[in-house]
Amino acid sequence: MSDLDTRRARRAVRQAARHLAQDAPSLTAASAGALRAGLAARATRLRRAALAAWLTGVPEHVIAVDARVPVRVVHGWITQRHAPEHADNGSG
Protein backbone atom coordinates (compact mmCIF):
# COMPACT_ATOMS: atom_id res chain seq x y z
CA MET A 1 0.00 0.00 0.00
CA SER A 2 1.06 3.57 -0.49
CA ASP A 3 2.12 5.99 2.20
CA LEU A 4 -1.07 7.94 1.49
CA ASP A 5 -3.18 4.83 2.16
CA THR A 6 -1.30 4.26 5.40
CA ARG A 7 -1.73 7.87 6.53
CA ARG A 8 -5.44 7.78 5.74
CA ALA A 9 -5.87 4.48 7.57
CA ARG A 10 -4.06 5.79 10.66
CA ARG A 11 -6.11 8.99 10.58
CA ALA A 12 -9.32 6.92 10.45
CA VAL A 13 -8.19 4.98 13.54
CA ARG A 14 -7.39 8.18 15.44
CA GLN A 15 -10.71 9.76 14.45
CA ALA A 16 -12.70 6.68 15.49
CA ALA A 17 -10.90 6.58 18.86
CA ARG A 18 -11.49 10.30 19.38
CA HIS A 19 -15.21 10.00 18.55
CA LEU A 20 -15.60 7.08 20.93
CA ALA A 21 -13.94 9.04 23.73
CA GLN A 22 -15.80 12.28 23.00
CA ASP A 23 -19.22 10.71 22.63
CA ALA A 24 -19.08 8.44 25.68
CA PRO A 25 -20.12 11.12 28.23
CA SER A 26 -23.16 12.21 26.25
CA LEU A 27 -24.15 8.60 25.58
CA THR A 28 -24.07 7.80 29.29
CA ALA A 29 -26.70 10.49 29.82
CA ALA A 30 -29.05 8.63 27.48
CA SER A 31 -31.03 5.48 28.19
CA ALA A 32 -29.24 2.19 28.77
CA GLY A 33 -30.29 0.97 25.33
CA ALA A 34 -29.02 4.10 23.64
CA LEU A 35 -25.77 3.84 25.57
CA ARG A 36 -25.18 0.24 24.48
CA ALA A 37 -26.11 0.94 20.87
CA GLY A 38 -24.06 4.11 20.67
CA LEU A 39 -20.96 2.65 22.24
CA ALA A 40 -21.26 -0.52 20.16
CA ALA A 41 -21.48 1.47 16.92
CA ARG A 42 -18.47 3.59 17.80
CA ALA A 43 -16.46 0.58 18.97
CA THR A 44 -17.29 -1.24 15.74
CA ARG A 45 -16.08 1.74 13.75
CA LEU A 46 -12.81 1.70 15.72
CA ARG A 47 -12.30 -2.05 15.19
CA ARG A 48 -12.96 -1.73 11.47
CA ALA A 49 -10.56 1.20 11.17
CA ALA A 50 -7.91 -0.76 13.06
CA LEU A 51 -8.29 -3.78 10.80
CA ALA A 52 -8.18 -1.58 7.69
CA ALA A 53 -4.99 0.06 8.98
CA TRP A 54 -3.42 -3.33 9.60
CA LEU A 55 -4.35 -4.42 6.08
CA THR A 56 -2.49 -1.40 4.71
CA GLY A 57 0.62 -2.49 6.59
CA VAL A 58 0.44 -0.45 9.79
CA PRO A 59 2.02 -2.47 12.64
CA GLU A 60 -0.18 -3.53 15.56
CA HIS A 61 1.75 -1.44 18.09
CA VAL A 62 1.26 1.70 16.00
CA ILE A 63 -2.46 1.01 15.63
CA ALA A 64 -2.66 0.52 19.40
CA VAL A 65 -1.17 3.96 20.00
CA ASP A 66 -3.50 5.57 17.46
CA ALA A 67 -6.54 3.75 18.89
CA ARG A 68 -5.53 4.38 22.52
CA VAL A 69 -5.87 0.71 23.42
CA PRO A 70 -3.41 -1.99 24.50
CA VAL A 71 -1.60 -3.90 21.74
CA ARG A 72 -3.30 -7.12 22.90
CA VAL A 73 -6.69 -5.58 22.05
CA VAL A 74 -5.57 -4.72 18.52
CA HIS A 75 -4.07 -8.18 18.17
CA GLY A 76 -7.41 -9.68 19.19
CA TRP A 77 -9.29 -7.63 16.63
CA ILE A 78 -6.92 -8.72 13.90
CA THR A 79 -6.85 -12.39 14.79
CA GLN A 80 -10.63 -12.64 15.12
CA ARG A 81 -10.92 -11.90 11.40
CA HIS A 82 -14.72 -11.91 11.50
CA ALA A 83 -17.29 -9.17 11.15
CA PRO A 84 -16.66 -6.59 13.90
CA GLU A 85 -20.37 -6.11 14.58
CA HIS A 86 -20.50 -9.70 15.83
CA ALA A 87 -17.49 -9.44 18.14
CA ASP A 88 -19.44 -8.34 21.21
CA ASN A 89 -22.65 -10.28 20.83
CA GLY A 90 -22.04 -12.37 23.95
CA SER A 91 -22.09 -15.73 22.17
CA GLY A 92 -18.40 -15.99 22.86
PDB file of N, CA and C in Angstrom:
ATOM      1  N   MET A   1       0.841  -1.184   0.000  1.00  0.00           N
ATOM      2  CA  MET A   1       0.000   0.000   0.000  1.00  0.00           C
ATOM      3  C   MET A   1       0.881   1.241   0.000  1.00  0.00           C
ATOM      4  N   SER A   2       0.315   2.322  -0.418  1.00  0.00           N
ATOM      5  CA  SER A   2       1.063   3.568  -0.491  1.00  0.00           C
ATOM      6  C   SER A   2       1.112   4.260   0.867  1.00  0.00           C
ATOM      7  N   ASP A   3       2.029   5.193   0.970  1.00  0.00           N
ATOM      8  CA  ASP A   3       2.117   5.992   2.199  1.00  0.00           C
ATOM      9  C   ASP A   3       0.828   6.763   2.434  1.00  0.00           C
ATOM     10  N   LEU A   4       0.196   7.211   1.354  1.00  0.00           N
ATOM     11  CA  LEU A   4      -1.068   7.936   1.488  1.00  0.00           C
ATOM     12  C   LEU A   4      -2.149   7.027   2.080  1.00  0.00           C
ATOM     13  N   ASP A   5      -2.219   5.792   1.608  1.00  0.00           N
ATOM     14  CA  ASP A   5      -3.183   4.833   2.161  1.00  0.00           C
ATOM     15  C   ASP A   5      -2.926   4.613   3.646  1.00  0.00           C
ATOM     16  N   THR A   6      -1.668   4.476   3.996  1.00  0.00           N
ATOM     17  CA  THR A   6      -1.298   4.257   5.397  1.00  0.00           C
ATOM     18  C   THR A   6      -1.672   5.461   6.250  1.00  0.00           C
ATOM     19  N   ARG A   7      -1.375   6.647   5.771  1.00  0.00           N
ATOM     20  CA  ARG A   7      -1.726   7.867   6.530  1.00  0.00           C
ATOM     21  C   ARG A   7      -3.230   7.989   6.703  1.00  0.00           C
ATOM     22  N   ARG A   8      -3.971   7.714   5.644  1.00  0.00           N
ATOM     23  CA  ARG A   8      -5.443   7.775   5.740  1.00  0.00           C
ATOM     24  C   ARG A   8      -5.979   6.747   6.718  1.00  0.00           C
ATOM     25  N   ALA A   9      -5.420   5.546   6.680  1.00  0.00           N
ATOM     26  CA  ALA A   9      -5.868   4.481   7.574  1.00  0.00           C
ATOM     27  C   ALA A   9      -5.574   4.843   9.028  1.00  0.00           C
ATOM     28  N   ARG A  10      -4.398   5.384   9.285  1.00  0.00           N
ATOM     29  CA  ARG A  10      -4.060   5.785  10.656  1.00  0.00           C
ATOM     30  C   ARG A  10      -4.946   6.934  11.120  1.00  0.00           C
ATOM     31  N   ARG A  11      -5.229   7.866  10.230  1.00  0.00           N
ATOM     32  CA  ARG A  11      -6.110   8.989  10.580  1.00  0.00           C
ATOM     33  C   ARG A  11      -7.517   8.480  10.916  1.00  0.00           C
ATOM     34  N   ALA A  12      -7.993   7.491  10.176  1.00  0.00           N
ATOM     35  CA  ALA A  12      -9.315   6.924  10.452  1.00  0.00           C
ATOM     36  C   ALA A  12      -9.349   6.268  11.830  1.00  0.00           C
ATOM     37  N   VAL A  13      -8.267   5.592  12.206  1.00  0.00           N
ATOM     38  CA  VAL A  13      -8.194   4.976  13.538  1.00  0.00           C
ATOM     39  C   VAL A  13      -8.228   6.059  14.605  1.00  0.00           C
ATOM     40  N   ARG A  14      -7.426   7.093  14.436  1.00  0.00           N
ATOM     41  CA  ARG A  14      -7.392   8.183  15.435  1.00  0.00           C
ATOM     42  C   ARG A  14      -8.741   8.881  15.545  1.00  0.00           C
ATOM     43  N   GLN A  15      -9.398   9.110  14.421  1.00  0.00           N
ATOM     44  CA  GLN A  15     -10.715   9.762  14.452  1.00  0.00           C
ATOM     45  C   GLN A  15     -11.751   8.881  15.147  1.00  0.00           C
ATOM     46  N   ALA A  16     -11.742   7.592  14.861  1.00  0.00           N
ATOM     47  CA  ALA A  16     -12.695   6.684  15.491  1.00  0.00           C
ATOM     48  C   ALA A  16     -12.469   6.634  17.003  1.00  0.00           C
ATOM     49  N   ALA A  17     -11.205   6.593  17.421  1.00  0.00           N
ATOM     50  CA  ALA A  17     -10.901   6.581  18.856  1.00  0.00           C
ATOM     51  C   ALA A  17     -11.343   7.882  19.508  1.00  0.00           C
ATOM     52  N   ARG A  18     -11.099   8.984  18.842  1.00  0.00           N
ATOM     53  CA  ARG A  18     -11.493  10.296  19.381  1.00  0.00           C
ATOM     54  C   ARG A  18     -13.015  10.395  19.502  1.00  0.00           C
ATOM     55  N   HIS A  19     -13.740   9.947  18.495  1.00  0.00           N
ATOM     56  CA  HIS A  19     -15.210  10.001  18.554  1.00  0.00           C
ATOM     57  C   HIS A  19     -15.752   9.124  19.672  1.00  0.00           C
ATOM     58  N   LEU A  20     -15.164   7.961  19.848  1.00  0.00           N
ATOM     59  CA  LEU A  20     -15.600   7.080  20.929  1.00  0.00           C
ATOM     60  C   LEU A  20     -15.394   7.764  22.279  1.00  0.00           C
ATOM     61  N   ALA A  21     -14.234   8.367  22.466  1.00  0.00           N
ATOM     62  CA  ALA A  21     -13.941   9.039  23.734  1.00  0.00           C
ATOM     63  C   ALA A  21     -14.804  10.282  23.936  1.00  0.00           C
ATOM     64  N   GLN A  22     -15.011  11.054  22.892  1.00  0.00           N
ATOM     65  CA  GLN A  22     -15.800  12.284  23.002  1.00  0.00           C
ATOM     66  C   GLN A  22     -17.280  12.013  23.206  1.00  0.00           C
ATOM     67  N   ASP A  23     -17.790  10.978  22.578  1.00  0.00           N
ATOM     68  CA  ASP A  23     -19.224  10.709  22.634  1.00  0.00           C
ATOM     69  C   ASP A  23     -19.653   9.939  23.871  1.00  0.00           C
ATOM     70  N   ALA A  24     -18.723   9.273  24.527  1.00  0.00           N
ATOM     71  CA  ALA A  24     -19.085   8.438  25.678  1.00  0.00           C
ATOM     72  C   ALA A  24     -19.830   9.210  26.767  1.00  0.00           C
ATOM     73  N   PRO A  25     -19.387  10.408  27.167  1.00  0.00           N
ATOM     74  CA  PRO A  25     -20.120  11.117  28.226  1.00  0.00           C
ATOM     75  C   PRO A  25     -21.568  11.445  27.852  1.00  0.00           C
ATOM     76  N   SER A  26     -21.790  11.880  26.633  1.00  0.00           N
ATOM     77  CA  SER A  26     -23.159  12.208  26.247  1.00  0.00           C
ATOM     78  C   SER A  26     -24.013  10.951  26.107  1.00  0.00           C
ATOM     79  N   LEU A  27     -23.403   9.860  25.692  1.00  0.00           N
ATOM     80  CA  LEU A  27     -24.145   8.603  25.582  1.00  0.00           C
ATOM     81  C   LEU A  27     -24.557   8.078  26.951  1.00  0.00           C
ATOM     82  N   THR A  28     -23.726   8.295  27.958  1.00  0.00           N
ATOM     83  CA  THR A  28     -24.072   7.800  29.290  1.00  0.00           C
ATOM     84  C   THR A  28     -25.263   8.540  29.868  1.00  0.00           C
ATOM     85  N   ALA A  29     -25.536   9.730  29.362  1.00  0.00           N
ATOM     86  CA  ALA A  29     -26.696  10.489  29.824  1.00  0.00           C
ATOM     87  C   ALA A  29     -27.997   9.982  29.199  1.00  0.00           C
ATOM     88  N   ALA A  30     -27.865   9.167  28.179  1.00  0.00           N
ATOM     89  CA  ALA A  30     -29.046   8.626  27.479  1.00  0.00           C
ATOM     90  C   ALA A  30     -29.518   7.360  28.190  1.00  0.00           C
ATOM     91  N   SER A  31     -30.520   6.735  27.637  1.00  0.00           N
ATOM     92  CA  SER A  31     -31.035   5.484  28.194  1.00  0.00           C
ATOM     93  C   SER A  31     -29.985   4.380  28.061  1.00  0.00           C
ATOM     94  N   ALA A  32     -30.185   3.308  28.813  1.00  0.00           N
ATOM     95  CA  ALA A  32     -29.243   2.186  28.768  1.00  0.00           C
ATOM     96  C   ALA A  32     -29.153   1.595  27.364  1.00  0.00           C
ATOM     97  N   GLY A  33     -30.289   1.501  26.694  1.00  0.00           N
ATOM     98  CA  GLY A  33     -30.292   0.966  25.328  1.00  0.00           C
ATOM     99  C   GLY A  33     -29.531   1.852  24.368  1.00  0.00           C
ATOM    100  N   ALA A  34     -29.734   3.150  24.502  1.00  0.00           N
ATOM    101  CA  ALA A  34     -29.024   4.096  23.643  1.00  0.00           C
ATOM    102  C   ALA A  34     -27.530   4.074  23.931  1.00  0.00           C
ATOM    103  N   LEU A  35     -27.183   3.932  25.197  1.00  0.00           N
ATOM    104  CA  LEU A  35     -25.774   3.844  25.572  1.00  0.00           C
ATOM    105  C   LEU A  35     -25.122   2.633  24.923  1.00  0.00           C
ATOM    106  N   ARG A  36     -25.745   1.459  25.069  1.00  0.00           N
ATOM    107  CA  ARG A  36     -25.175   0.239  24.478  1.00  0.00           C
ATOM    108  C   ARG A  36     -25.065   0.352  22.961  1.00  0.00           C
ATOM    109  N   ALA A  37     -26.120   0.827  22.332  1.00  0.00           N
ATOM    110  CA  ALA A  37     -26.111   0.936  20.871  1.00  0.00           C
ATOM    111  C   ALA A  37     -25.071   1.943  20.398  1.00  0.00           C
ATOM    112  N   GLY A  38     -25.010   3.073  21.066  1.00  0.00           N
ATOM    113  CA  GLY A  38     -24.063   4.113  20.672  1.00  0.00           C
ATOM    114  C   GLY A  38     -22.623   3.689  20.852  1.00  0.00           C
ATOM    115  N   LEU A  39     -22.320   3.107  22.006  1.00  0.00           N
ATOM    116  CA  LEU A  39     -20.960   2.646  22.241  1.00  0.00           C
ATOM    117  C   LEU A  39     -20.592   1.499  21.307  1.00  0.00           C
ATOM    118  N   ALA A  40     -21.528   0.607  21.057  1.00  0.00           N
ATOM    119  CA  ALA A  40     -21.259  -0.518  20.159  1.00  0.00           C
ATOM    120  C   ALA A  40     -20.949  -0.027  18.743  1.00  0.00           C
ATOM    121  N   ALA A  41     -21.710   0.943  18.274  1.00  0.00           N
ATOM    122  CA  ALA A  41     -21.479   1.472  16.922  1.00  0.00           C
ATOM    123  C   ALA A  41     -20.116   2.140  16.821  1.00  0.00           C
ATOM    124  N   ARG A  42     -19.764   2.902  17.841  1.00  0.00           N
ATOM    125  CA  ARG A  42     -18.473   3.588  17.802  1.00  0.00           C
ATOM    126  C   ARG A  42     -17.317   2.614  17.968  1.00  0.00           C
ATOM    127  N   ALA A  43     -17.493   1.596  18.796  1.00  0.00           N
ATOM    128  CA  ALA A  43     -16.457   0.580  18.968  1.00  0.00           C
ATOM    129  C   ALA A  43     -16.275  -0.229  17.682  1.00  0.00           C
ATOM    130  N   THR A  44     -17.363  -0.530  17.015  1.00  0.00           N
ATOM    131  CA  THR A  44     -17.291  -1.244  15.741  1.00  0.00           C
ATOM    132  C   THR A  44     -16.520  -0.422  14.716  1.00  0.00           C
ATOM    133  N   ARG A  45     -16.796   0.871  14.684  1.00  0.00           N
ATOM    134  CA  ARG A  45     -16.075   1.744  13.752  1.00  0.00           C
ATOM    135  C   ARG A  45     -14.579   1.723  14.050  1.00  0.00           C
ATOM    136  N   LEU A  46     -14.225   1.736  15.335  1.00  0.00           N
ATOM    137  CA  LEU A  46     -12.815   1.702  15.716  1.00  0.00           C
ATOM    138  C   LEU A  46     -12.174   0.372  15.318  1.00  0.00           C
ATOM    139  N   ARG A  47     -12.851  -0.742  15.570  1.00  0.00           N
ATOM    140  CA  ARG A  47     -12.300  -2.050  15.188  1.00  0.00           C
ATOM    141  C   ARG A  47     -12.114  -2.151  13.674  1.00  0.00           C
ATOM    142  N   ARG A  48     -13.077  -1.677  12.940  1.00  0.00           N
ATOM    143  CA  ARG A  48     -12.963  -1.729  11.466  1.00  0.00           C
ATOM    144  C   ARG A  48     -11.809  -0.859  10.979  1.00  0.00           C
ATOM    145  N   ALA A  49     -11.662   0.306  11.558  1.00  0.00           N
ATOM    146  CA  ALA A  49     -10.562   1.197  11.167  1.00  0.00           C
ATOM    147  C   ALA A  49      -9.222   0.559  11.508  1.00  0.00           C
ATOM    148  N   ALA A  50      -9.147  -0.093  12.662  1.00  0.00           N
ATOM    149  CA  ALA A  50      -7.910  -0.758  13.061  1.00  0.00           C
ATOM    150  C   ALA A  50      -7.560  -1.883  12.098  1.00  0.00           C
ATOM    151  N   LEU A  51      -8.541  -2.685  11.738  1.00  0.00           N
ATOM    152  CA  LEU A  51      -8.292  -3.775  10.803  1.00  0.00           C
ATOM    153  C   LEU A  51      -7.882  -3.232   9.436  1.00  0.00           C
ATOM    154  N   ALA A  52      -8.543  -2.190   8.981  1.00  0.00           N
ATOM    155  CA  ALA A  52      -8.178  -1.584   7.692  1.00  0.00           C
ATOM    156  C   ALA A  52      -6.747  -1.054   7.741  1.00  0.00           C
ATOM    157  N   ALA A  53      -6.365  -0.448   8.848  1.00  0.00           N
ATOM    158  CA  ALA A  53      -4.995   0.063   8.980  1.00  0.00           C
ATOM    159  C   ALA A  53      -3.994  -1.091   8.926  1.00  0.00           C
ATOM    160  N   TRP A  54      -4.302  -2.178   9.620  1.00  0.00           N
ATOM    161  CA  TRP A  54      -3.415  -3.333   9.605  1.00  0.00           C
ATOM    162  C   TRP A  54      -3.279  -3.887   8.188  1.00  0.00           C
ATOM    163  N   LEU A  55      -4.392  -3.911   7.457  1.00  0.00           N
ATOM    164  CA  LEU A  55      -4.350  -4.423   6.081  1.00  0.00           C
ATOM    165  C   LEU A  55      -3.529  -3.536   5.153  1.00  0.00           C
ATOM    166  N   THR A  56      -3.347  -2.271   5.517  1.00  0.00           N
ATOM    167  CA  THR A  56      -2.485  -1.396   4.710  1.00  0.00           C
ATOM    168  C   THR A  56      -1.031  -1.492   5.133  1.00  0.00           C
ATOM    169  N   GLY A  57      -0.758  -2.289   6.172  1.00  0.00           N
ATOM    170  CA  GLY A  57       0.624  -2.489   6.589  1.00  0.00           C
ATOM    171  C   GLY A  57       1.035  -1.768   7.863  1.00  0.00           C
ATOM    172  N   VAL A  58       0.115  -1.131   8.538  1.00  0.00           N
ATOM    173  CA  VAL A  58       0.442  -0.453   9.789  1.00  0.00           C
ATOM    174  C   VAL A  58       0.644  -1.515  10.867  1.00  0.00           C
ATOM    175  N   PRO A  59       1.766  -1.472  11.590  1.00  0.00           N
ATOM    176  CA  PRO A  59       2.018  -2.468  12.640  1.00  0.00           C
ATOM    177  C   PRO A  59       1.017  -2.361  13.793  1.00  0.00           C
ATOM    178  N   GLU A  60       0.788  -3.481  14.459  1.00  0.00           N
ATOM    179  CA  GLU A  60      -0.178  -3.531  15.556  1.00  0.00           C
ATOM    180  C   GLU A  60       0.137  -2.505  16.640  1.00  0.00           C
ATOM    181  N   HIS A  61       1.418  -2.362  17.009  1.00  0.00           N
ATOM    182  CA  HIS A  61       1.754  -1.438  18.095  1.00  0.00           C
ATOM    183  C   HIS A  61       1.474   0.016  17.719  1.00  0.00           C
ATOM    184  N   VAL A  62       1.572   0.347  16.448  1.00  0.00           N
ATOM    185  CA  VAL A  62       1.259   1.701  15.999  1.00  0.00           C
ATOM    186  C   VAL A  62      -0.255   1.922  16.022  1.00  0.00           C
ATOM    187  N   ILE A  63      -0.995   0.930  15.579  1.00  0.00           N
ATOM    188  CA  ILE A  63      -2.459   1.009  15.626  1.00  0.00           C
ATOM    189  C   ILE A  63      -2.917   1.175  17.071  1.00  0.00           C
ATOM    190  N   ALA A  64      -2.292   0.436  17.978  1.00  0.00           N
ATOM    191  CA  ALA A  64      -2.664   0.523  19.396  1.00  0.00           C
ATOM    192  C   ALA A  64      -2.480   1.937  19.930  1.00  0.00           C
ATOM    193  N   VAL A  65      -1.402   2.575  19.568  1.00  0.00           N
ATOM    194  CA  VAL A  65      -1.173   3.960  20.000  1.00  0.00           C
ATOM    195  C   VAL A  65      -2.235   4.872  19.408  1.00  0.00           C
ATOM    196  N   ASP A  66      -2.494   4.731  18.122  1.00  0.00           N
ATOM    197  CA  ASP A  66      -3.500   5.572  17.458  1.00  0.00           C
ATOM    198  C   ASP A  66      -4.896   5.346  18.041  1.00  0.00           C
ATOM    199  N   ALA A  67      -5.207   4.097  18.386  1.00  0.00           N
ATOM    200  CA  ALA A  67      -6.541   3.748  18.895  1.00  0.00           C
ATOM    201  C   ALA A  67      -6.672   3.969  20.396  1.00  0.00           C
ATOM    202  N   ARG A  68      -5.550   4.193  21.059  1.00  0.00           N
ATOM    203  CA  ARG A  68      -5.532   4.381  22.522  1.00  0.00           C
ATOM    204  C   ARG A  68      -6.013   3.136  23.260  1.00  0.00           C
ATOM    205  N   VAL A  69      -5.556   1.991  22.773  1.00  0.00           N
ATOM    206  CA  VAL A  69      -5.874   0.709  23.415  1.00  0.00           C
ATOM    207  C   VAL A  69      -4.594  -0.109  23.525  1.00  0.00           C
ATOM    208  N   PRO A  70      -4.588  -1.117  24.408  1.00  0.00           N
ATOM    209  CA  PRO A  70      -3.406  -1.989  24.495  1.00  0.00           C
ATOM    210  C   PRO A  70      -3.189  -2.782  23.205  1.00  0.00           C
ATOM    211  N   VAL A  71      -1.945  -3.130  22.941  1.00  0.00           N
ATOM    212  CA  VAL A  71      -1.600  -3.900  21.743  1.00  0.00           C
ATOM    213  C   VAL A  71      -2.374  -5.210  21.710  1.00  0.00           C
ATOM    214  N   ARG A  72      -2.582  -5.840  22.864  1.00  0.00           N
ATOM    215  CA  ARG A  72      -3.297  -7.118  22.900  1.00  0.00           C
ATOM    216  C   ARG A  72      -4.728  -6.978  22.379  1.00  0.00           C
ATOM    217  N   VAL A  73      -5.340  -5.809  22.564  1.00  0.00           N
ATOM    218  CA  VAL A  73      -6.691  -5.577  22.052  1.00  0.00           C
ATOM    219  C   VAL A  73      -6.659  -5.533  20.526  1.00  0.00           C
ATOM    220  N   VAL A  74      -5.710  -4.790  19.984  1.00  0.00           N
ATOM    221  CA  VAL A  74      -5.568  -4.719  18.521  1.00  0.00           C
ATOM    222  C   VAL A  74      -5.271  -6.108  17.964  1.00  0.00           C
ATOM    223  N   HIS A  75      -4.398  -6.827  18.627  1.00  0.00           N
ATOM    224  CA  HIS A  75      -4.067  -8.184  18.173  1.00  0.00           C
ATOM    225  C   HIS A  75      -5.323  -9.056  18.145  1.00  0.00           C
ATOM    226  N   GLY A  76      -6.155  -8.926  19.153  1.00  0.00           N
ATOM    227  CA  GLY A  76      -7.408  -9.684  19.192  1.00  0.00           C
ATOM    228  C   GLY A  76      -8.328  -9.333  18.041  1.00  0.00           C
ATOM    229  N   TRP A  77      -8.438  -8.051  17.747  1.00  0.00           N
ATOM    230  CA  TRP A  77      -9.290  -7.633  16.632  1.00  0.00           C
ATOM    231  C   TRP A  77      -8.798  -8.238  15.329  1.00  0.00           C
ATOM    232  N   ILE A  78      -7.498  -8.224  15.149  1.00  0.00           N
ATOM    233  CA  ILE A  78      -6.916  -8.716  13.897  1.00  0.00           C
ATOM    234  C   ILE A  78      -7.061 -10.231  13.788  1.00  0.00           C
ATOM    235  N   THR A  79      -6.807 -10.939  14.867  1.00  0.00           N
ATOM    236  CA  THR A  79      -6.852 -12.395  14.793  1.00  0.00           C
ATOM    237  C   THR A  79      -8.272 -12.941  14.752  1.00  0.00           C
ATOM    238  N   GLN A  80      -9.239 -12.175  15.208  1.00  0.00           N
ATOM    239  CA  GLN A  80     -10.631 -12.638  15.122  1.00  0.00           C
ATOM    240  C   GLN A  80     -11.054 -12.803  13.673  1.00  0.00           C
ATOM    241  N   ARG A  81     -10.669 -11.857  12.849  1.00  0.00           N
ATOM    242  CA  ARG A  81     -10.917 -11.896  11.402  1.00  0.00           C
ATOM    243  C   ARG A  81     -12.373 -12.169  11.025  1.00  0.00           C
ATOM    244  N   HIS A  82     -13.315 -11.789  11.874  1.00  0.00           N
ATOM    245  CA  HIS A  82     -14.722 -11.910  11.503  1.00  0.00           C
ATOM    246  C   HIS A  82     -15.373 -10.548  11.631  1.00  0.00           C
ATOM    247  N   ALA A  83     -16.588 -10.448  11.188  1.00  0.00           N
ATOM    248  CA  ALA A  83     -17.285  -9.166  11.147  1.00  0.00           C
ATOM    249  C   ALA A  83     -17.272  -8.503  12.519  1.00  0.00           C
ATOM    250  N   PRO A  84     -16.762  -7.269  12.618  1.00  0.00           N
ATOM    251  CA  PRO A  84     -16.663  -6.592  13.902  1.00  0.00           C
ATOM    252  C   PRO A  84     -17.993  -6.442  14.625  1.00  0.00           C
ATOM    253  N   GLU A  85     -19.087  -6.312  13.907  1.00  0.00           N
ATOM    254  CA  GLU A  85     -20.366  -6.110  14.581  1.00  0.00           C
ATOM    255  C   GLU A  85     -20.805  -7.345  15.357  1.00  0.00           C
ATOM    256  N   HIS A  86     -20.148  -8.490  15.117  1.00  0.00           N
ATOM    257  CA  HIS A  86     -20.496  -9.703  15.834  1.00  0.00           C
ATOM    258  C   HIS A  86     -19.523  -9.990  16.979  1.00  0.00           C
ATOM    259  N   ALA A  87     -18.538  -9.158  17.150  1.00  0.00           N
ATOM    260  CA  ALA A  87     -17.492  -9.436  18.137  1.00  0.00           C
ATOM    261  C   ALA A  87     -17.998  -9.364  19.563  1.00  0.00           C
ATOM    262  N   ASP A  88     -18.986  -8.539  19.848  1.00  0.00           N
ATOM    263  CA  ASP A  88     -19.442  -8.341  21.211  1.00  0.00           C
ATOM    264  C   ASP A  88     -20.856  -8.837  21.443  1.00  0.00           C
ATOM    265  N   ASN A  89     -21.264  -9.854  20.721  1.00  0.00           N
ATOM    266  CA  ASN A  89     -22.650 -10.277  20.826  1.00  0.00           C
ATOM    267  C   ASN A  89     -22.906 -11.239  21.982  1.00  0.00           C
ATOM    268  N   GLY A  90     -21.854 -11.560  22.765  1.00  0.00           N
ATOM    269  CA  GLY A  90     -22.037 -12.374  23.947  1.00  0.00           C
ATOM    270  C   GLY A  90     -22.115 -13.860  23.691  1.00  0.00           C
ATOM    271  N   SER A  91     -21.998 -14.293  22.448  1.00  0.00           N
ATOM    272  CA  SER A  91     -22.085 -15.727  22.174  1.00  0.00           C
ATOM    273  C   SER A  91     -20.739 -16.416  22.296  1.00  0.00           C
ATOM    274  N   GLY A  92     -19.710 -15.627  22.570  1.00  0.00           N
ATOM    275  CA  GLY A  92     -18.397 -15.993  22.860  1.00  0.00           C
ATOM    276  C   GLY A  92     -17.648 -17.011  22.271  1.00  0.00           C
TER     277      GLY A  92
END
